[in-house]
Amino acid sequence: MVVADVVLWKKWYGGVVVLISASTLWFLFERAGYNLLSFVANVLFLLVVILFFWAKSASLLNRPLPPLPDLEISEESIVKAADAMQMLINSALSIAHDIAIGRNLKLFIKVAIGLWVISYIGSLINFLTLVYIGVLLSLSVPVVYDKFQDHIDEKLCVIHRILQTQYRKIDENLLKKIPLPLKKEKKIQ
């Protein structure tokens, strides 16, 4: 099953499973006050008990043991994951370095505004509720966009043009007036 099929509800049972499990988890953790650690521990405990009794009853009744795959992670998949994480961390550190030495004012302002927006939203909404809203939006927005793509694209182009003109005004009136230190070449003796 492809993620696009689930998100666009082409395979409706996949979308229903994601929606019901997200709703159930949100209700358990947010409304019922269940703790994530105790939930994980109870699920694993239940799994271990079921597999233990299945294996014991299978040996007593001469039935096959429960089918368990080899529980190993290949070195190749760990290397791929480590390489991907290294690229992400290096790009984040590069951005942080550029901001810290004051090389890129526009990037600093973008990061500062982005972090402020995240902080503001985080003060209004619980993280789990925000994730749940993200799941609901990821299941509904692609379907709506797929149906009304022409109208949405037209409106987004208008909004993009308005935002570009506003950004140019801010850039000309405010950002270009801020003095930036010139790069000085070191004297070599």
N, C-alpha and C. Protein backbone atom coordinates (compact mmCIF):
# COMPACT_ATOMS: atom_id res chain seq x y z
N MET A 1 0.84 -1.17 0.00
CA MET A 1 0.00 0.00 0.00
C MET A 1 0.89 1.24 0.00
N VAL A 2 0.60 2.15 -0.87
CA VAL A 2 1.39 3.37 -1.02
C VAL A 2 0.76 4.47 -0.16
N VAL A 3 1.60 5.32 0.37
CA VAL A 3 1.12 6.40 1.23
C VAL A 3 0.16 7.31 0.47
N ALA A 4 0.44 7.57 -0.79
CA ALA A 4 -0.43 8.44 -1.58
C ALA A 4 -1.83 7.85 -1.70
N ASP A 5 -1.94 6.54 -1.81
CA ASP A 5 -3.26 5.90 -1.90
C ASP A 5 -4.04 6.08 -0.60
N VAL A 6 -3.35 6.04 0.53
CA VAL A 6 -4.02 6.21 1.82
C VAL A 6 -4.43 7.67 1.99
N VAL A 7 -3.52 8.59 1.67
CA VAL A 7 -3.80 10.01 1.88
C VAL A 7 -4.90 10.51 0.95
N LEU A 8 -4.94 10.00 -0.28
CA LEU A 8 -5.97 10.41 -1.22
C LEU A 8 -7.23 9.55 -1.14
N TRP A 9 -7.29 8.65 -0.19
CA TRP A 9 -8.43 7.77 0.07
C TRP A 9 -8.76 6.89 -1.13
N LYS A 10 -7.74 6.54 -1.95
CA LYS A 10 -7.98 5.61 -3.05
C LYS A 10 -8.14 4.20 -2.50
N LYS A 11 -7.41 3.91 -1.45
CA LYS A 11 -7.61 2.66 -0.69
C LYS A 11 -8.24 3.11 0.62
N TRP A 12 -9.55 3.16 0.65
CA TRP A 12 -10.27 3.80 1.75
C TRP A 12 -10.04 3.11 3.09
N TYR A 13 -9.80 1.79 3.09
CA TYR A 13 -9.61 1.10 4.37
C TYR A 13 -8.31 1.54 5.04
N GLY A 14 -7.30 1.90 4.26
CA GLY A 14 -6.06 2.40 4.86
C GLY A 14 -6.28 3.75 5.54
N GLY A 15 -7.03 4.63 4.88
CA GLY A 15 -7.36 5.91 5.48
C GLY A 15 -8.20 5.77 6.72
N VAL A 16 -9.14 4.83 6.68
CA VAL A 16 -10.00 4.60 7.85
C VAL A 16 -9.17 4.06 9.02
N VAL A 17 -8.25 3.15 8.74
CA VAL A 17 -7.40 2.61 9.81
C VAL A 17 -6.53 3.71 10.42
N VAL A 18 -5.94 4.55 9.60
CA VAL A 18 -5.11 5.65 10.11
C VAL A 18 -5.96 6.61 10.93
N LEU A 19 -7.14 6.96 10.43
CA LEU A 19 -8.01 7.90 11.13
C LEU A 19 -8.49 7.33 12.46
N ILE A 20 -8.92 6.09 12.48
CA ILE A 20 -9.41 5.48 13.72
C ILE A 20 -8.28 5.30 14.72
N SER A 21 -7.11 4.84 14.27
CA SER A 21 -6.02 4.66 15.23
C SER A 21 -5.52 5.99 15.76
N ALA A 22 -5.45 7.04 14.91
CA ALA A 22 -5.04 8.35 15.40
C ALA A 22 -6.05 8.90 16.38
N SER A 23 -7.33 8.73 16.08
CA SER A 23 -8.36 9.21 17.00
C SER A 23 -8.33 8.46 18.32
N THR A 24 -8.13 7.15 18.27
CA THR A 24 -8.07 6.36 19.48
C THR A 24 -6.87 6.75 20.34
N LEU A 25 -5.70 6.88 19.71
CA LEU A 25 -4.51 7.28 20.46
C LEU A 25 -4.65 8.67 21.05
N TRP A 26 -5.24 9.60 20.27
CA TRP A 26 -5.45 10.94 20.80
C TRP A 26 -6.38 10.90 22.00
N PHE A 27 -7.47 10.12 21.90
CA PHE A 27 -8.40 10.03 23.02
C PHE A 27 -7.73 9.41 24.24
N LEU A 28 -6.96 8.33 24.02
CA LEU A 28 -6.30 7.68 25.16
C LEU A 28 -5.33 8.61 25.87
N PHE A 29 -4.51 9.30 25.11
CA PHE A 29 -3.46 10.12 25.73
C PHE A 29 -3.96 11.49 26.17
N GLU A 30 -4.88 12.08 25.40
CA GLU A 30 -5.28 13.46 25.70
C GLU A 30 -6.47 13.51 26.64
N ARG A 31 -7.51 12.78 26.35
CA ARG A 31 -8.74 12.88 27.13
C ARG A 31 -8.78 11.90 28.30
N ALA A 32 -8.33 10.69 28.11
CA ALA A 32 -8.38 9.70 29.19
C ALA A 32 -7.21 9.84 30.14
N GLY A 33 -6.20 10.62 29.78
CA GLY A 33 -5.07 10.85 30.67
C GLY A 33 -4.09 9.69 30.74
N TYR A 34 -4.10 8.84 29.74
CA TYR A 34 -3.19 7.70 29.73
C TYR A 34 -1.78 8.20 29.42
N ASN A 35 -0.79 7.54 29.97
CA ASN A 35 0.60 7.92 29.80
C ASN A 35 1.23 7.09 28.68
N LEU A 36 2.09 7.70 27.86
CA LEU A 36 2.71 6.99 26.74
C LEU A 36 3.56 5.82 27.20
N LEU A 37 4.35 6.04 28.25
CA LEU A 37 5.23 4.97 28.73
C LEU A 37 4.43 3.78 29.25
N SER A 38 3.38 4.05 30.01
CA SER A 38 2.57 2.94 30.51
C SER A 38 1.81 2.26 29.38
N PHE A 39 1.40 3.01 28.36
CA PHE A 39 0.73 2.41 27.22
C PHE A 39 1.66 1.46 26.47
N VAL A 40 2.87 1.91 26.18
CA VAL A 40 3.84 1.07 25.48
C VAL A 40 4.18 -0.17 26.31
N ALA A 41 4.37 0.03 27.61
CA ALA A 41 4.69 -1.11 28.48
C ALA A 41 3.53 -2.11 28.52
N ASN A 42 2.30 -1.64 28.59
CA ASN A 42 1.16 -2.55 28.63
C ASN A 42 0.96 -3.28 27.31
N VAL A 43 1.18 -2.60 26.20
CA VAL A 43 1.06 -3.27 24.89
C VAL A 43 2.13 -4.35 24.75
N LEU A 44 3.37 -4.02 25.11
CA LEU A 44 4.44 -5.02 25.04
C LEU A 44 4.20 -6.18 26.01
N PHE A 45 3.70 -5.88 27.19
CA PHE A 45 3.38 -6.92 28.16
C PHE A 45 2.31 -7.86 27.61
N LEU A 46 1.26 -7.28 27.02
CA LEU A 46 0.21 -8.09 26.43
C LEU A 46 0.75 -8.95 25.28
N LEU A 47 1.61 -8.39 24.46
CA LEU A 47 2.21 -9.14 23.36
C LEU A 47 3.06 -10.30 23.87
N VAL A 48 3.87 -10.06 24.89
CA VAL A 48 4.72 -11.11 25.44
C VAL A 48 3.88 -12.22 26.08
N VAL A 49 2.83 -11.85 26.79
CA VAL A 49 1.95 -12.85 27.43
C VAL A 49 1.27 -13.70 26.37
N ILE A 50 0.75 -13.07 25.33
CA ILE A 50 0.07 -13.82 24.26
C ILE A 50 1.04 -14.79 23.59
N LEU A 51 2.24 -14.30 23.24
CA LEU A 51 3.22 -15.18 22.58
C LEU A 51 3.68 -16.31 23.51
N PHE A 52 3.84 -16.02 24.79
CA PHE A 52 4.25 -17.04 25.74
C PHE A 52 3.20 -18.14 25.84
N PHE A 53 1.94 -17.76 26.05
CA PHE A 53 0.89 -18.78 26.17
C PHE A 53 0.64 -19.51 24.85
N TRP A 54 0.82 -18.83 23.73
CA TRP A 54 0.68 -19.48 22.43
C TRP A 54 1.76 -20.55 22.28
N ALA A 55 2.99 -20.21 22.64
CA ALA A 55 4.09 -21.17 22.51
C ALA A 55 3.89 -22.35 23.47
N LYS A 56 3.45 -22.10 24.71
CA LYS A 56 3.22 -23.19 25.67
C LYS A 56 2.08 -24.08 25.22
N SER A 57 0.98 -23.48 24.77
CA SER A 57 -0.15 -24.30 24.33
C SER A 57 0.19 -25.05 23.04
N ALA A 58 1.03 -24.47 22.19
CA ALA A 58 1.42 -25.15 20.96
C ALA A 58 2.24 -26.38 21.27
N SER A 59 3.12 -26.30 22.27
CA SER A 59 3.92 -27.48 22.61
C SER A 59 3.06 -28.55 23.27
N LEU A 60 2.06 -28.17 24.04
CA LEU A 60 1.19 -29.15 24.68
C LEU A 60 0.22 -29.79 23.69
N LEU A 61 -0.24 -29.05 22.70
CA LEU A 61 -1.22 -29.56 21.75
C LEU A 61 -0.60 -30.01 20.43
N ASN A 62 0.72 -30.06 20.36
CA ASN A 62 1.44 -30.44 19.15
C ASN A 62 1.03 -29.58 17.95
N ARG A 63 0.96 -28.29 18.15
CA ARG A 63 0.65 -27.33 17.11
C ARG A 63 1.93 -26.56 16.77
N PRO A 64 1.94 -25.85 15.62
CA PRO A 64 3.14 -25.08 15.27
C PRO A 64 3.31 -23.87 16.21
N LEU A 65 4.55 -23.49 16.41
CA LEU A 65 4.87 -22.33 17.22
C LEU A 65 4.43 -21.05 16.52
N PRO A 66 4.27 -19.97 17.25
CA PRO A 66 3.87 -18.71 16.59
C PRO A 66 4.95 -18.27 15.60
N PRO A 67 4.53 -17.81 14.43
CA PRO A 67 5.52 -17.38 13.43
C PRO A 67 6.14 -16.03 13.83
N LEU A 68 7.43 -16.05 14.11
CA LEU A 68 8.15 -14.84 14.46
C LEU A 68 9.28 -14.64 13.47
N PRO A 69 9.38 -13.45 12.90
CA PRO A 69 10.51 -13.19 11.98
C PRO A 69 11.79 -13.00 12.79
N ASP A 70 12.91 -13.03 12.08
CA ASP A 70 14.18 -12.74 12.74
C ASP A 70 14.16 -11.27 13.16
N LEU A 71 14.36 -11.05 14.43
CA LEU A 71 14.29 -9.70 14.96
C LEU A 71 15.68 -9.08 14.97
N GLU A 72 16.14 -8.70 13.79
CA GLU A 72 17.46 -8.10 13.63
C GLU A 72 17.36 -6.89 12.71
N ILE A 73 18.23 -5.93 12.96
CA ILE A 73 18.33 -4.77 12.09
C ILE A 73 19.64 -4.93 11.31
N SER A 74 19.53 -4.82 9.99
CA SER A 74 20.73 -5.02 9.18
C SER A 74 21.65 -3.82 9.32
N GLU A 75 22.93 -4.08 9.15
CA GLU A 75 23.93 -3.01 9.24
C GLU A 75 23.74 -2.00 8.12
N GLU A 76 23.28 -2.47 6.96
CA GLU A 76 23.06 -1.59 5.82
C GLU A 76 21.98 -0.55 6.12
N SER A 77 20.89 -0.97 6.77
CA SER A 77 19.82 -0.01 7.08
C SER A 77 20.27 0.99 8.15
N ILE A 78 21.11 0.56 9.08
CA ILE A 78 21.64 1.47 10.09
C ILE A 78 22.57 2.49 9.45
N VAL A 79 23.39 2.06 8.50
CA VAL A 79 24.30 2.98 7.82
C VAL A 79 23.51 4.00 7.00
N LYS A 80 22.45 3.56 6.32
CA LYS A 80 21.61 4.49 5.55
C LYS A 80 20.95 5.51 6.47
N ALA A 81 20.41 5.05 7.59
CA ALA A 81 19.77 5.97 8.53
C ALA A 81 20.78 6.94 9.12
N ALA A 82 21.97 6.46 9.44
CA ALA A 82 23.01 7.33 9.99
C ALA A 82 23.46 8.37 8.97
N ASP A 83 23.59 7.97 7.71
CA ASP A 83 23.97 8.92 6.66
C ASP A 83 22.90 10.00 6.47
N ALA A 84 21.64 9.59 6.49
CA ALA A 84 20.56 10.57 6.34
C ALA A 84 20.54 11.53 7.53
N MET A 85 20.72 11.01 8.73
CA MET A 85 20.75 11.87 9.92
C MET A 85 21.94 12.81 9.88
N GLN A 86 23.08 12.31 9.40
CA GLN A 86 24.28 13.14 9.33
C GLN A 86 24.05 14.31 8.38
N MET A 87 23.42 14.08 7.24
CA MET A 87 23.16 15.17 6.30
C MET A 87 22.22 16.21 6.91
N LEU A 88 21.18 15.75 7.59
CA LEU A 88 20.23 16.69 8.21
C LEU A 88 20.90 17.50 9.31
N ILE A 89 21.68 16.83 10.16
CA ILE A 89 22.34 17.52 11.26
C ILE A 89 23.38 18.50 10.73
N ASN A 90 24.14 18.11 9.71
CA ASN A 90 25.14 19.01 9.14
C ASN A 90 24.50 20.25 8.50
N SER A 91 23.37 20.07 7.82
CA SER A 91 22.72 21.25 7.24
C SER A 91 22.17 22.16 8.33
N ALA A 92 21.61 21.59 9.40
CA ALA A 92 21.13 22.41 10.52
C ALA A 92 22.28 23.14 11.19
N LEU A 93 23.41 22.45 11.38
CA LEU A 93 24.57 23.09 11.99
C LEU A 93 25.16 24.18 11.08
N SER A 94 25.10 23.98 9.77
CA SER A 94 25.57 24.99 8.84
C SER A 94 24.71 26.25 8.93
N ILE A 95 23.39 26.06 9.00
CA ILE A 95 22.48 27.20 9.16
C ILE A 95 22.74 27.90 10.48
N ALA A 96 22.92 27.12 11.56
CA ALA A 96 23.20 27.71 12.87
C ALA A 96 24.52 28.47 12.86
N HIS A 97 25.51 27.95 12.15
CA HIS A 97 26.81 28.62 12.06
C HIS A 97 26.67 29.95 11.33
N ASP A 98 25.94 29.95 10.21
CA ASP A 98 25.73 31.18 9.45
C ASP A 98 25.00 32.23 10.28
N ILE A 99 24.05 31.79 11.08
CA ILE A 99 23.31 32.72 11.92
C ILE A 99 24.20 33.23 13.06
N ALA A 100 24.97 32.34 13.66
CA ALA A 100 25.77 32.71 14.83
C ALA A 100 26.86 33.72 14.50
N ILE A 101 27.44 33.62 13.31
CA ILE A 101 28.50 34.58 12.97
C ILE A 101 27.94 35.82 12.27
N GLY A 102 26.61 35.87 12.13
CA GLY A 102 25.98 37.06 11.57
C GLY A 102 26.17 37.25 10.09
N ARG A 103 26.38 36.18 9.38
CA ARG A 103 26.65 36.28 7.95
C ARG A 103 25.37 36.52 7.13
N ASN A 104 24.24 35.99 7.58
CA ASN A 104 23.04 36.03 6.76
C ASN A 104 21.87 36.57 7.60
N LEU A 105 21.55 37.82 7.46
CA LEU A 105 20.50 38.46 8.26
C LEU A 105 19.12 37.95 7.87
N LYS A 106 18.89 37.76 6.58
CA LYS A 106 17.58 37.28 6.13
C LYS A 106 17.30 35.89 6.69
N LEU A 107 18.29 35.02 6.68
CA LEU A 107 18.12 33.69 7.23
C LEU A 107 17.86 33.76 8.73
N PHE A 108 18.55 34.65 9.42
CA PHE A 108 18.32 34.82 10.85
C PHE A 108 16.89 35.24 11.13
N ILE A 109 16.38 36.18 10.35
CA ILE A 109 15.01 36.65 10.56
C ILE A 109 14.01 35.54 10.26
N LYS A 110 14.24 34.78 9.20
CA LYS A 110 13.34 33.67 8.87
C LYS A 110 13.32 32.63 9.99
N VAL A 111 14.49 32.27 10.49
CA VAL A 111 14.57 31.27 11.55
C VAL A 111 13.94 31.81 12.84
N ALA A 112 14.21 33.07 13.15
CA ALA A 112 13.65 33.66 14.37
C ALA A 112 12.13 33.71 14.30
N ILE A 113 11.58 34.12 13.18
CA ILE A 113 10.12 34.17 13.04
C ILE A 113 9.54 32.76 13.08
N GLY A 114 10.18 31.81 12.40
CA GLY A 114 9.70 30.42 12.43
C GLY A 114 9.70 29.84 13.83
N LEU A 115 10.76 30.07 14.59
CA LEU A 115 10.82 29.56 15.96
C LEU A 115 9.81 30.26 16.85
N TRP A 116 9.59 31.56 16.62
CA TRP A 116 8.59 32.27 17.41
C TRP A 116 7.19 31.72 17.12
N VAL A 117 6.88 31.45 15.84
CA VAL A 117 5.57 30.90 15.48
C VAL A 117 5.38 29.53 16.12
N ILE A 118 6.42 28.69 16.08
CA ILE A 118 6.33 27.37 16.69
C ILE A 118 6.12 27.50 18.20
N SER A 119 6.82 28.42 18.83
CA SER A 119 6.67 28.64 20.26
C SER A 119 5.26 29.14 20.59
N TYR A 120 4.74 30.04 19.79
CA TYR A 120 3.41 30.58 20.03
C TYR A 120 2.34 29.49 19.88
N ILE A 121 2.45 28.71 18.82
CA ILE A 121 1.49 27.61 18.62
C ILE A 121 1.62 26.59 19.73
N GLY A 122 2.85 26.32 20.15
CA GLY A 122 3.07 25.37 21.25
C GLY A 122 2.48 25.84 22.56
N SER A 123 2.41 27.15 22.77
CA SER A 123 1.80 27.65 24.00
C SER A 123 0.28 27.57 23.95
N LEU A 124 -0.29 27.51 22.76
CA LEU A 124 -1.74 27.44 22.62
C LEU A 124 -2.28 26.01 22.60
N ILE A 125 -1.53 25.11 21.99
CA ILE A 125 -2.02 23.76 21.74
C ILE A 125 -1.05 22.73 22.30
N ASN A 126 -1.58 21.68 22.87
CA ASN A 126 -0.78 20.56 23.33
C ASN A 126 -0.13 19.88 22.12
N PHE A 127 1.08 19.33 22.31
CA PHE A 127 1.81 18.71 21.20
C PHE A 127 1.03 17.55 20.59
N LEU A 128 0.42 16.74 21.42
CA LEU A 128 -0.33 15.59 20.91
C LEU A 128 -1.54 16.05 20.10
N THR A 129 -2.19 17.10 20.54
CA THR A 129 -3.31 17.64 19.78
C THR A 129 -2.83 18.20 18.46
N LEU A 130 -1.67 18.84 18.46
CA LEU A 130 -1.10 19.36 17.22
C LEU A 130 -0.78 18.24 16.23
N VAL A 131 -0.24 17.13 16.72
CA VAL A 131 0.04 15.97 15.86
C VAL A 131 -1.27 15.40 15.32
N TYR A 132 -2.29 15.32 16.18
CA TYR A 132 -3.59 14.81 15.74
C TYR A 132 -4.20 15.71 14.67
N ILE A 133 -4.10 17.02 14.84
CA ILE A 133 -4.59 17.95 13.82
C ILE A 133 -3.82 17.76 12.52
N GLY A 134 -2.50 17.52 12.64
CA GLY A 134 -1.69 17.25 11.45
C GLY A 134 -2.14 16.00 10.72
N VAL A 135 -2.48 14.94 11.46
CA VAL A 135 -2.97 13.70 10.84
C VAL A 135 -4.30 13.97 10.14
N LEU A 136 -5.19 14.68 10.82
CA LEU A 136 -6.48 14.98 10.20
C LEU A 136 -6.32 15.82 8.94
N LEU A 137 -5.44 16.82 9.00
CA LEU A 137 -5.20 17.65 7.82
C LEU A 137 -4.55 16.85 6.69
N SER A 138 -3.64 15.95 7.04
CA SER A 138 -2.98 15.15 5.99
C SER A 138 -3.94 14.17 5.34
N LEU A 139 -5.04 13.83 6.03
CA LEU A 139 -6.03 12.95 5.43
C LEU A 139 -7.12 13.72 4.69
N SER A 140 -7.26 15.01 4.94
CA SER A 140 -8.35 15.75 4.30
C SER A 140 -7.87 16.73 3.23
N VAL A 141 -6.77 17.43 3.45
CA VAL A 141 -6.32 18.45 2.50
C VAL A 141 -5.97 17.87 1.13
N PRO A 142 -5.25 16.75 1.03
CA PRO A 142 -4.96 16.22 -0.32
C PRO A 142 -6.20 15.84 -1.12
N VAL A 143 -7.23 15.35 -0.45
CA VAL A 143 -8.46 14.98 -1.16
C VAL A 143 -9.15 16.23 -1.69
N VAL A 144 -9.24 17.25 -0.85
CA VAL A 144 -9.86 18.51 -1.29
C VAL A 144 -9.05 19.13 -2.42
N TYR A 145 -7.72 19.13 -2.30
CA TYR A 145 -6.87 19.69 -3.36
C TYR A 145 -7.01 18.91 -4.65
N ASP A 146 -7.13 17.59 -4.55
CA ASP A 146 -7.28 16.76 -5.74
C ASP A 146 -8.58 17.09 -6.47
N LYS A 147 -9.64 17.38 -5.73
CA LYS A 147 -10.93 17.68 -6.35
C LYS A 147 -10.98 19.10 -6.93
N PHE A 148 -10.42 20.07 -6.20
CA PHE A 148 -10.54 21.48 -6.58
C PHE A 148 -9.19 22.10 -6.89
N GLN A 149 -8.34 21.39 -7.60
CA GLN A 149 -6.97 21.82 -7.85
C GLN A 149 -6.89 23.13 -8.61
N ASP A 150 -7.70 23.30 -9.64
CA ASP A 150 -7.62 24.52 -10.46
C ASP A 150 -7.98 25.77 -9.65
N HIS A 151 -9.05 25.69 -8.89
CA HIS A 151 -9.47 26.85 -8.08
C HIS A 151 -8.45 27.18 -7.00
N ILE A 152 -7.92 26.16 -6.36
CA ILE A 152 -6.96 26.37 -5.28
C ILE A 152 -5.66 26.95 -5.84
N ASP A 153 -5.19 26.42 -6.98
CA ASP A 153 -3.97 26.95 -7.59
C ASP A 153 -4.12 28.42 -7.97
N GLU A 154 -5.29 28.77 -8.48
CA GLU A 154 -5.54 30.16 -8.85
C GLU A 154 -5.47 31.08 -7.62
N LYS A 155 -6.10 30.67 -6.55
CA LYS A 155 -6.09 31.49 -5.32
C LYS A 155 -4.70 31.55 -4.71
N LEU A 156 -3.98 30.45 -4.74
CA LEU A 156 -2.62 30.43 -4.19
C LEU A 156 -1.68 31.32 -4.99
N CYS A 157 -1.86 31.41 -6.30
CA CYS A 157 -1.03 32.31 -7.12
C CYS A 157 -1.28 33.76 -6.72
N VAL A 158 -2.54 34.12 -6.50
CA VAL A 158 -2.87 35.48 -6.08
C VAL A 158 -2.23 35.78 -4.73
N ILE A 159 -2.36 34.86 -3.78
CA ILE A 159 -1.78 35.03 -2.45
C ILE A 159 -0.26 35.14 -2.54
N HIS A 160 0.36 34.33 -3.40
CA HIS A 160 1.81 34.36 -3.56
C HIS A 160 2.27 35.71 -4.08
N ARG A 161 1.55 36.27 -5.07
CA ARG A 161 1.91 37.58 -5.60
C ARG A 161 1.79 38.66 -4.53
N ILE A 162 0.74 38.61 -3.73
CA ILE A 162 0.55 39.60 -2.66
C ILE A 162 1.68 39.50 -1.64
N LEU A 163 2.02 38.28 -1.25
CA LEU A 163 3.10 38.09 -0.28
C LEU A 163 4.44 38.54 -0.84
N GLN A 164 4.68 38.30 -2.12
CA GLN A 164 5.93 38.75 -2.72
C GLN A 164 6.04 40.27 -2.72
N THR A 165 4.96 40.96 -3.04
CA THR A 165 5.02 42.43 -3.03
C THR A 165 5.22 42.95 -1.62
N GLN A 166 4.58 42.33 -0.63
CA GLN A 166 4.77 42.75 0.75
C GLN A 166 6.20 42.50 1.22
N TYR A 167 6.77 41.37 0.82
CA TYR A 167 8.15 41.07 1.19
C TYR A 167 9.11 42.06 0.55
N ARG A 168 8.87 42.39 -0.72
CA ARG A 168 9.73 43.38 -1.38
C ARG A 168 9.67 44.74 -0.67
N LYS A 169 8.47 45.15 -0.25
CA LYS A 169 8.33 46.41 0.47
C LYS A 169 9.10 46.38 1.78
N ILE A 170 8.97 45.28 2.52
CA ILE A 170 9.69 45.15 3.78
C ILE A 170 11.19 45.12 3.54
N ASP A 171 11.60 44.42 2.50
CA ASP A 171 13.02 44.32 2.18
C ASP A 171 13.59 45.68 1.81
N GLU A 172 12.87 46.44 0.99
CA GLU A 172 13.36 47.75 0.57
C GLU A 172 13.33 48.78 1.70
N ASN A 173 12.27 48.76 2.48
CA ASN A 173 12.09 49.80 3.50
C ASN A 173 12.81 49.50 4.82
N LEU A 174 12.98 48.25 5.14
CA LEU A 174 13.53 47.91 6.46
C LEU A 174 14.86 47.18 6.39
N LEU A 175 14.89 46.10 5.70
CA LEU A 175 16.08 45.24 5.74
C LEU A 175 17.29 45.87 5.04
N LYS A 176 17.06 46.60 3.98
CA LYS A 176 18.20 47.20 3.27
C LYS A 176 18.79 48.39 4.02
N LYS A 177 18.04 48.93 4.98
CA LYS A 177 18.53 50.06 5.76
C LYS A 177 19.39 49.62 6.95
N ILE A 178 19.35 48.34 7.28
CA ILE A 178 20.15 47.83 8.38
C ILE A 178 21.59 47.70 7.91
N PRO A 179 22.51 48.37 8.61
CA PRO A 179 23.92 48.28 8.16
C PRO A 179 24.50 46.90 8.48
N LEU A 180 25.12 46.32 7.49
CA LEU A 180 25.78 45.03 7.67
C LEU A 180 27.28 45.25 7.64
N PRO A 181 28.01 44.53 8.49
CA PRO A 181 29.47 44.68 8.47
C PRO A 181 30.03 44.15 7.17
N LEU A 182 30.95 44.89 6.62
CA LEU A 182 31.62 44.45 5.39
C LEU A 182 32.68 43.40 5.72
N LYS A 183 32.88 42.51 4.81
CA LYS A 183 33.91 41.50 5.03
C LYS A 183 35.28 42.14 4.80
N LYS A 184 36.07 42.08 5.82
CA LYS A 184 37.41 42.67 5.72
C LYS A 184 38.42 41.56 5.50
N GLU A 185 39.33 41.84 4.62
CA GLU A 185 40.40 40.86 4.36
C GLU A 185 41.48 41.01 5.44
N LYS A 186 41.99 39.89 5.87
CA LYS A 186 43.05 39.91 6.89
C LYS A 186 44.35 40.37 6.25
N LYS A 187 45.08 41.13 7.02
CA LYS A 187 46.40 41.58 6.54
C LYS A 187 47.40 40.45 6.69
N ILE A 188 48.12 40.22 5.64
CA ILE A 188 49.14 39.17 5.68
C ILE A 188 50.50 39.85 5.68
N GLN A 189 51.30 39.55 6.68
CA GLN A 189 52.61 40.20 6.78
C GLN A 189 53.69 39.22 6.47
